[in-house]
Amino acid sequence: VVYSAVTGYDYEDLTKAQSTEQSMDTMMTFMADDAKQRLSSIQTNVNIAKTTDDAEAREKALTSARDDSVVVSSELSALGTAMGAVEDASGSTDKSASRHLPSASEAANKAANDTKDAGQILDDILNGNRDIDLIRDLQVISDLLGNTRVALTEIVYPSIDSMLTNLQDSLGDLSSILLDLSNVMG
């Protein structure tokens, strides 16, 4: 009880560093992989909408792309939040001074916003809420999805493993410090 009051940590939590890292790894990898698959599906449906003369097939493709964009935006937003928490917990960011890259959490959040913008354009097309130049609008969507894909490939994916390794190291260091404190207080 004294240990918990002084440190703010439950002693048993110290043994959970590895399972915490594994849970974060599983969650973050799932969201990133699912987003990647859905981005491919969105691009496929956008290409169908660009090339088909069948209005019903175009609407079905656009609807599917819009629905996937909502999920991807939510996943990437959650991924950005999770990565931000890991960055804070591990005391590290993956910014590269030489390339001026955003942190992984910033890249994930930007990708979420780009995907959300693509979804809004798709929604506007489906609802007829804009002066539609279908080919132009679909190209804008493709460009936004390309930006998202680049952010995932160049920043987010490479950062996941290193961030989680840093988190594991930080949790291990914290566990050692707290265990030492426990011995001192013992």
C-alpha atoms as a PDB file:
ATOM      1  CA  VAL A   1       0.000   0.000   0.000  1.00  0.00           C
ATOM      2  CA  VAL A   2       2.851   2.388   0.890  1.00  0.00           C
ATOM      3  CA  TYR A   3       4.589   1.495  -2.394  1.00  0.00           C
ATOM      4  CA  SER A   4       1.446   2.309  -4.345  1.00  0.00           C
ATOM      5  CA  ALA A   5       0.898   5.573  -2.442  1.00  0.00           C
ATOM      6  CA  VAL A   6       4.479   6.771  -2.954  1.00  0.00           C
ATOM      7  CA  THR A   7       4.920   5.744  -6.567  1.00  0.00           C
ATOM      8  CA  GLY A   8       1.366   5.837  -7.914  1.00  0.00           C
ATOM      9  CA  TYR A   9       1.905   2.377  -9.418  1.00  0.00           C
ATOM     10  CA  ASP A  10       0.498  -0.953  -8.419  1.00  0.00           C
ATOM     11  CA  TYR A  11       3.401  -3.351  -7.830  1.00  0.00           C
ATOM     12  CA  GLU A  12       1.769  -5.994 -10.049  1.00  0.00           C
ATOM     13  CA  ASP A  13       1.687  -3.541 -12.968  1.00  0.00           C
ATOM     14  CA  LEU A  14       5.474  -3.768 -13.150  1.00  0.00           C
ATOM     15  CA  THR A  15       5.262  -7.304 -14.471  1.00  0.00           C
ATOM     16  CA  LYS A  16       2.982  -6.227 -17.319  1.00  0.00           C
ATOM     17  CA  ALA A  17       5.498  -4.238 -19.411  1.00  0.00           C
ATOM     18  CA  GLN A  18       5.882  -6.979 -22.004  1.00  0.00           C
ATOM     19  CA  SER A  19       2.146  -7.632 -22.329  1.00  0.00           C
ATOM     20  CA  THR A  20       1.520  -3.874 -22.587  1.00  0.00           C
ATOM     21  CA  GLU A  21       4.026  -3.613 -25.433  1.00  0.00           C
ATOM     22  CA  GLN A  22       2.555  -6.671 -27.174  1.00  0.00           C
ATOM     23  CA  SER A  23      -0.998  -5.303 -26.872  1.00  0.00           C
ATOM     24  CA  MET A  24       0.066  -1.932 -28.310  1.00  0.00           C
ATOM     25  CA  ASP A  25       1.964  -3.676 -31.105  1.00  0.00           C
ATOM     26  CA  THR A  26      -1.045  -5.842 -32.005  1.00  0.00           C
ATOM     27  CA  MET A  27      -3.487  -2.909 -31.943  1.00  0.00           C
ATOM     28  CA  MET A  28      -1.272  -0.502 -33.889  1.00  0.00           C
ATOM     29  CA  THR A  29      -0.248  -3.098 -36.475  1.00  0.00           C
ATOM     30  CA  PHE A  30      -3.869  -4.146 -37.015  1.00  0.00           C
ATOM     31  CA  MET A  31      -5.043  -0.567 -37.556  1.00  0.00           C
ATOM     32  CA  ALA A  32      -2.167   0.227 -39.912  1.00  0.00           C
ATOM     33  CA  ASP A  33      -2.632  -2.979 -41.923  1.00  0.00           C
ATOM     34  CA  ASP A  34      -6.413  -2.588 -42.132  1.00  0.00           C
ATOM     35  CA  ALA A  35      -6.019   1.039 -43.230  1.00  0.00           C
ATOM     36  CA  LYS A  36      -3.577  -0.049 -45.937  1.00  0.00           C
ATOM     37  CA  GLN A  37      -6.005  -2.685 -47.262  1.00  0.00           C
ATOM     38  CA  ARG A  38      -8.921  -0.259 -47.202  1.00  0.00           C
ATOM     39  CA  LEU A  39      -6.871   2.410 -49.005  1.00  0.00           C
ATOM     40  CA  SER A  40      -6.273  -0.092 -51.793  1.00  0.00           C
ATOM     41  CA  SER A  41      -9.992  -0.842 -51.888  1.00  0.00           C
ATOM     42  CA  ILE A  42     -10.822   2.881 -52.040  1.00  0.00           C
ATOM     43  CA  GLN A  43      -8.374   3.392 -54.909  1.00  0.00           C
ATOM     44  CA  THR A  44      -9.827   0.413 -56.777  1.00  0.00           C
ATOM     45  CA  ASN A  45     -13.349   1.802 -56.366  1.00  0.00           C
ATOM     46  CA  VAL A  46     -12.226   5.294 -57.423  1.00  0.00           C
ATOM     47  CA  ASN A  47     -10.701   3.766 -60.561  1.00  0.00           C
ATOM     48  CA  ILE A  48     -13.961   1.917 -61.272  1.00  0.00           C
ATOM     49  CA  ALA A  49     -15.890   5.178 -60.864  1.00  0.00           C
ATOM     50  CA  LYS A  50     -13.478   6.922 -63.272  1.00  0.00           C
ATOM     51  CA  THR A  51     -13.787   4.331 -65.996  1.00  0.00           C
ATOM     52  CA  THR A  52     -17.308   2.925 -65.909  1.00  0.00           C
ATOM     53  CA  ASP A  53     -20.200   4.224 -67.955  1.00  0.00           C
ATOM     54  CA  ASP A  54     -22.685   2.342 -65.762  1.00  0.00           C
ATOM     55  CA  ALA A  55     -24.239   4.859 -63.339  1.00  0.00           C
ATOM     56  CA  GLU A  56     -25.304   2.136 -60.894  1.00  0.00           C
ATOM     57  CA  ALA A  57     -21.812   0.597 -60.790  1.00  0.00           C
ATOM     58  CA  ARG A  58     -20.292   4.072 -60.342  1.00  0.00           C
ATOM     59  CA  GLU A  59     -22.592   4.842 -57.416  1.00  0.00           C
ATOM     60  CA  LYS A  60     -21.863   1.477 -55.807  1.00  0.00           C
ATOM     61  CA  ALA A  61     -18.093   2.024 -56.170  1.00  0.00           C
ATOM     62  CA  LEU A  62     -18.299   5.567 -54.805  1.00  0.00           C
ATOM     63  CA  THR A  63     -20.443   4.457 -51.861  1.00  0.00           C
ATOM     64  CA  SER A  64     -18.024   1.664 -51.013  1.00  0.00           C
ATOM     65  CA  ALA A  65     -15.064   4.074 -51.278  1.00  0.00           C
ATOM     66  CA  ARG A  66     -16.806   6.612 -49.045  1.00  0.00           C
ATOM     67  CA  ASP A  67     -17.656   3.979 -46.422  1.00  0.00           C
ATOM     68  CA  ASP A  68     -14.065   2.720 -46.394  1.00  0.00           C
ATOM     69  CA  SER A  69     -12.751   6.275 -46.116  1.00  0.00           C
ATOM     70  CA  VAL A  70     -14.776   6.807 -42.924  1.00  0.00           C
ATOM     71  CA  VAL A  71     -13.267   3.671 -41.381  1.00  0.00           C
ATOM     72  CA  VAL A  72      -9.725   4.528 -42.517  1.00  0.00           C
ATOM     73  CA  SER A  73     -10.002   8.058 -41.164  1.00  0.00           C
ATOM     74  CA  SER A  74     -11.139   6.733 -37.778  1.00  0.00           C
ATOM     75  CA  GLU A  75      -8.416   4.076 -37.708  1.00  0.00           C
ATOM     76  CA  LEU A  76      -5.681   6.531 -38.602  1.00  0.00           C
ATOM     77  CA  SER A  77      -6.935   9.038 -36.048  1.00  0.00           C
ATOM     78  CA  ALA A  78      -6.907   6.334 -33.360  1.00  0.00           C
ATOM     79  CA  LEU A  79      -3.484   5.204 -34.564  1.00  0.00           C
ATOM     80  CA  GLY A  80      -2.197   8.767 -34.293  1.00  0.00           C
ATOM     81  CA  THR A  81      -3.513   9.008 -30.750  1.00  0.00           C
ATOM     82  CA  ALA A  82      -1.954   5.666 -29.806  1.00  0.00           C
ATOM     83  CA  MET A  83       1.364   6.605 -31.399  1.00  0.00           C
ATOM     84  CA  GLY A  84       1.327   9.943 -29.581  1.00  0.00           C
ATOM     85  CA  ALA A  85       0.803   8.122 -26.291  1.00  0.00           C
ATOM     86  CA  VAL A  86       3.680   5.755 -27.071  1.00  0.00           C
ATOM     87  CA  GLU A  87       5.903   8.695 -28.068  1.00  0.00           C
ATOM     88  CA  ASP A  88       5.078  10.422 -24.777  1.00  0.00           C
ATOM     89  CA  ALA A  89       5.532   7.263 -22.711  1.00  0.00           C
ATOM     90  CA  SER A  90       8.855   6.369 -24.303  1.00  0.00           C
ATOM     91  CA  GLY A  91      10.105   9.957 -24.374  1.00  0.00           C
ATOM     92  CA  SER A  92      10.903   9.759 -28.056  1.00  0.00           C
ATOM     93  CA  THR A  93       9.647  10.923 -31.379  1.00  0.00           C
ATOM     94  CA  ASP A  94      10.769   9.752 -34.762  1.00  0.00           C
ATOM     95  CA  LYS A  95      11.369  13.189 -36.206  1.00  0.00           C
ATOM     96  CA  SER A  96      14.315  13.308 -38.522  1.00  0.00           C
ATOM     97  CA  ALA A  97      16.074  16.672 -38.390  1.00  0.00           C
ATOM     98  CA  SER A  98      17.734  16.073 -41.728  1.00  0.00           C
ATOM     99  CA  ARG A  99      14.479  15.345 -43.538  1.00  0.00           C
ATOM    100  CA  HIS A 100      12.159  17.489 -41.388  1.00  0.00           C
ATOM    101  CA  LEU A 101       9.667  14.643 -41.124  1.00  0.00           C
ATOM    102  CA  PRO A 102       6.703  14.945 -38.797  1.00  0.00           C
ATOM    103  CA  SER A 103       6.458  12.537 -35.887  1.00  0.00           C
ATOM    104  CA  ALA A 104       4.624   9.294 -36.546  1.00  0.00           C
ATOM    105  CA  SER A 105       1.585  10.523 -34.611  1.00  0.00           C
ATOM    106  CA  GLU A 106       1.492  13.773 -36.624  1.00  0.00           C
ATOM    107  CA  ALA A 107       1.826  11.811 -39.875  1.00  0.00           C
ATOM    108  CA  ALA A 108      -0.992   9.448 -38.865  1.00  0.00           C
ATOM    109  CA  ASN A 109      -3.241  12.371 -37.912  1.00  0.00           C
ATOM    110  CA  LYS A 110      -2.480  14.191 -41.187  1.00  0.00           C
ATOM    111  CA  ALA A 111      -3.243  10.983 -43.087  1.00  0.00           C
ATOM    112  CA  ALA A 112      -6.518  10.687 -41.143  1.00  0.00           C
ATOM    113  CA  ASN A 113      -7.454  14.235 -42.157  1.00  0.00           C
ATOM    114  CA  ASP A 114      -6.542  13.614 -45.814  1.00  0.00           C
ATOM    115  CA  THR A 115      -8.673  10.480 -45.838  1.00  0.00           C
ATOM    116  CA  LYS A 116     -11.525  12.340 -44.146  1.00  0.00           C
ATOM    117  CA  ASP A 117     -11.286  15.046 -46.838  1.00  0.00           C
ATOM    118  CA  ALA A 118     -11.429  12.359 -49.531  1.00  0.00           C
ATOM    119  CA  GLY A 119     -14.516  10.901 -47.849  1.00  0.00           C
ATOM    120  CA  GLN A 120     -16.191  14.304 -47.770  1.00  0.00           C
ATOM    121  CA  ILE A 121     -15.565  14.778 -51.490  1.00  0.00           C
ATOM    122  CA  LEU A 122     -17.027  11.318 -52.126  1.00  0.00           C
ATOM    123  CA  ASP A 123     -20.016  12.198 -49.962  1.00  0.00           C
ATOM    124  CA  ASP A 124     -20.515  15.443 -51.892  1.00  0.00           C
ATOM    125  CA  ILE A 125     -20.352  13.590 -55.202  1.00  0.00           C
ATOM    126  CA  LEU A 126     -22.897  11.023 -54.030  1.00  0.00           C
ATOM    127  CA  ASN A 127     -25.231  13.709 -52.660  1.00  0.00           C
ATOM    128  CA  GLY A 128     -24.799  16.067 -55.593  1.00  0.00           C
ATOM    129  CA  ASN A 129     -23.731  18.861 -53.207  1.00  0.00           C
ATOM    130  CA  ARG A 130     -21.039  20.349 -55.388  1.00  0.00           C
ATOM    131  CA  ASP A 131     -20.323  21.481 -58.899  1.00  0.00           C
ATOM    132  CA  ILE A 132     -19.102  18.059 -59.919  1.00  0.00           C
ATOM    133  CA  ASP A 133     -16.246  17.558 -62.294  1.00  0.00           C
ATOM    134  CA  LEU A 134     -16.084  13.838 -61.601  1.00  0.00           C
ATOM    135  CA  ILE A 135     -12.682  13.198 -63.156  1.00  0.00           C
ATOM    136  CA  ARG A 136     -11.102  16.193 -61.374  1.00  0.00           C
ATOM    137  CA  ASP A 137     -12.691  15.298 -58.034  1.00  0.00           C
ATOM    138  CA  LEU A 138     -11.649  11.668 -58.309  1.00  0.00           C
ATOM    139  CA  GLN A 139      -8.107  12.793 -59.099  1.00  0.00           C
ATOM    140  CA  VAL A 140      -8.110  14.967 -55.973  1.00  0.00           C
ATOM    141  CA  ILE A 141      -9.216  11.899 -54.007  1.00  0.00           C
ATOM    142  CA  SER A 142      -6.454   9.815 -55.599  1.00  0.00           C
ATOM    143  CA  ASP A 143      -3.898  12.469 -54.667  1.00  0.00           C
ATOM    144  CA  LEU A 144      -5.125  12.574 -51.065  1.00  0.00           C
ATOM    145  CA  LEU A 145      -4.979   8.784 -50.854  1.00  0.00           C
ATOM    146  CA  GLY A 146      -1.476   8.871 -52.340  1.00  0.00           C
ATOM    147  CA  ASN A 147      -0.395  11.292 -49.605  1.00  0.00           C
ATOM    148  CA  THR A 148      -1.909   8.960 -47.024  1.00  0.00           C
ATOM    149  CA  ARG A 149      -0.151   5.937 -48.492  1.00  0.00           C
ATOM    150  CA  VAL A 150       3.201   7.767 -48.485  1.00  0.00           C
ATOM    151  CA  ALA A 151       2.745   8.843 -44.849  1.00  0.00           C
ATOM    152  CA  LEU A 152       1.963   5.277 -43.830  1.00  0.00           C
ATOM    153  CA  THR A 153       4.805   3.746 -45.829  1.00  0.00           C
ATOM    154  CA  GLU A 154       7.551   6.265 -45.116  1.00  0.00           C
ATOM    155  CA  ILE A 155       6.748   7.393 -41.572  1.00  0.00           C
ATOM    156  CA  VAL A 156       4.102   5.397 -39.712  1.00  0.00           C
ATOM    157  CA  TYR A 157       5.060   1.789 -40.515  1.00  0.00           C
ATOM    158  CA  PRO A 158       8.803   2.264 -39.914  1.00  0.00           C
ATOM    159  CA  SER A 159       8.035   4.047 -36.646  1.00  0.00           C
ATOM    160  CA  ILE A 160       5.790   1.405 -35.096  1.00  0.00           C
ATOM    161  CA  ASP A 161       8.523  -1.115 -34.310  1.00  0.00           C
ATOM    162  CA  SER A 162      11.065   1.413 -33.097  1.00  0.00           C
ATOM    163  CA  MET A 163       8.496   3.231 -30.963  1.00  0.00           C
ATOM    164  CA  LEU A 164       7.318   0.015 -29.352  1.00  0.00           C
ATOM    165  CA  THR A 165      10.901  -1.058 -28.715  1.00  0.00           C
ATOM    166  CA  ASN A 166      11.521   2.313 -27.056  1.00  0.00           C
ATOM    167  CA  LEU A 167       8.338   1.863 -25.026  1.00  0.00           C
ATOM    168  CA  GLN A 168       9.423  -1.607 -23.920  1.00  0.00           C
ATOM    169  CA  ASP A 169      12.820  -0.204 -22.897  1.00  0.00           C
ATOM    170  CA  SER A 170      11.151   2.664 -21.025  1.00  0.00           C
ATOM    171  CA  LEU A 171       8.741   0.332 -19.273  1.00  0.00           C
ATOM    172  CA  GLY A 172      11.653  -1.925 -18.377  1.00  0.00           C
ATOM    173  CA  ASP A 173      13.653   1.040 -17.028  1.00  0.00           C
ATOM    174  CA  LEU A 174      10.629   2.236 -15.062  1.00  0.00           C
ATOM    175  CA  SER A 175      10.105  -1.251 -13.666  1.00  0.00           C
ATOM    176  CA  SER A 176      13.755  -1.409 -12.540  1.00  0.00           C
ATOM    177  CA  ILE A 177      13.587   2.001 -10.892  1.00  0.00           C
ATOM    178  CA  LEU A 178      10.359   1.202  -9.095  1.00  0.00           C
ATOM    179  CA  LEU A 179      11.635  -2.207  -7.988  1.00  0.00           C
ATOM    180  CA  ASP A 180      14.782  -0.525  -6.624  1.00  0.00           C
ATOM    181  CA  LEU A 181      12.570   1.938  -4.780  1.00  0.00           C
ATOM    182  CA  SER A 182      10.599  -0.975  -3.389  1.00  0.00           C
ATOM    183  CA  ASN A 183      13.813  -2.561  -2.095  1.00  0.00           C
ATOM    184  CA  VAL A 184      14.896   0.715  -0.504  1.00  0.00           C
ATOM    185  CA  MET A 185      11.520   1.172   1.152  1.00  0.00           C
ATOM    186  CA  GLY A 186      11.425  -2.521   2.146  1.00  0.00           C
END
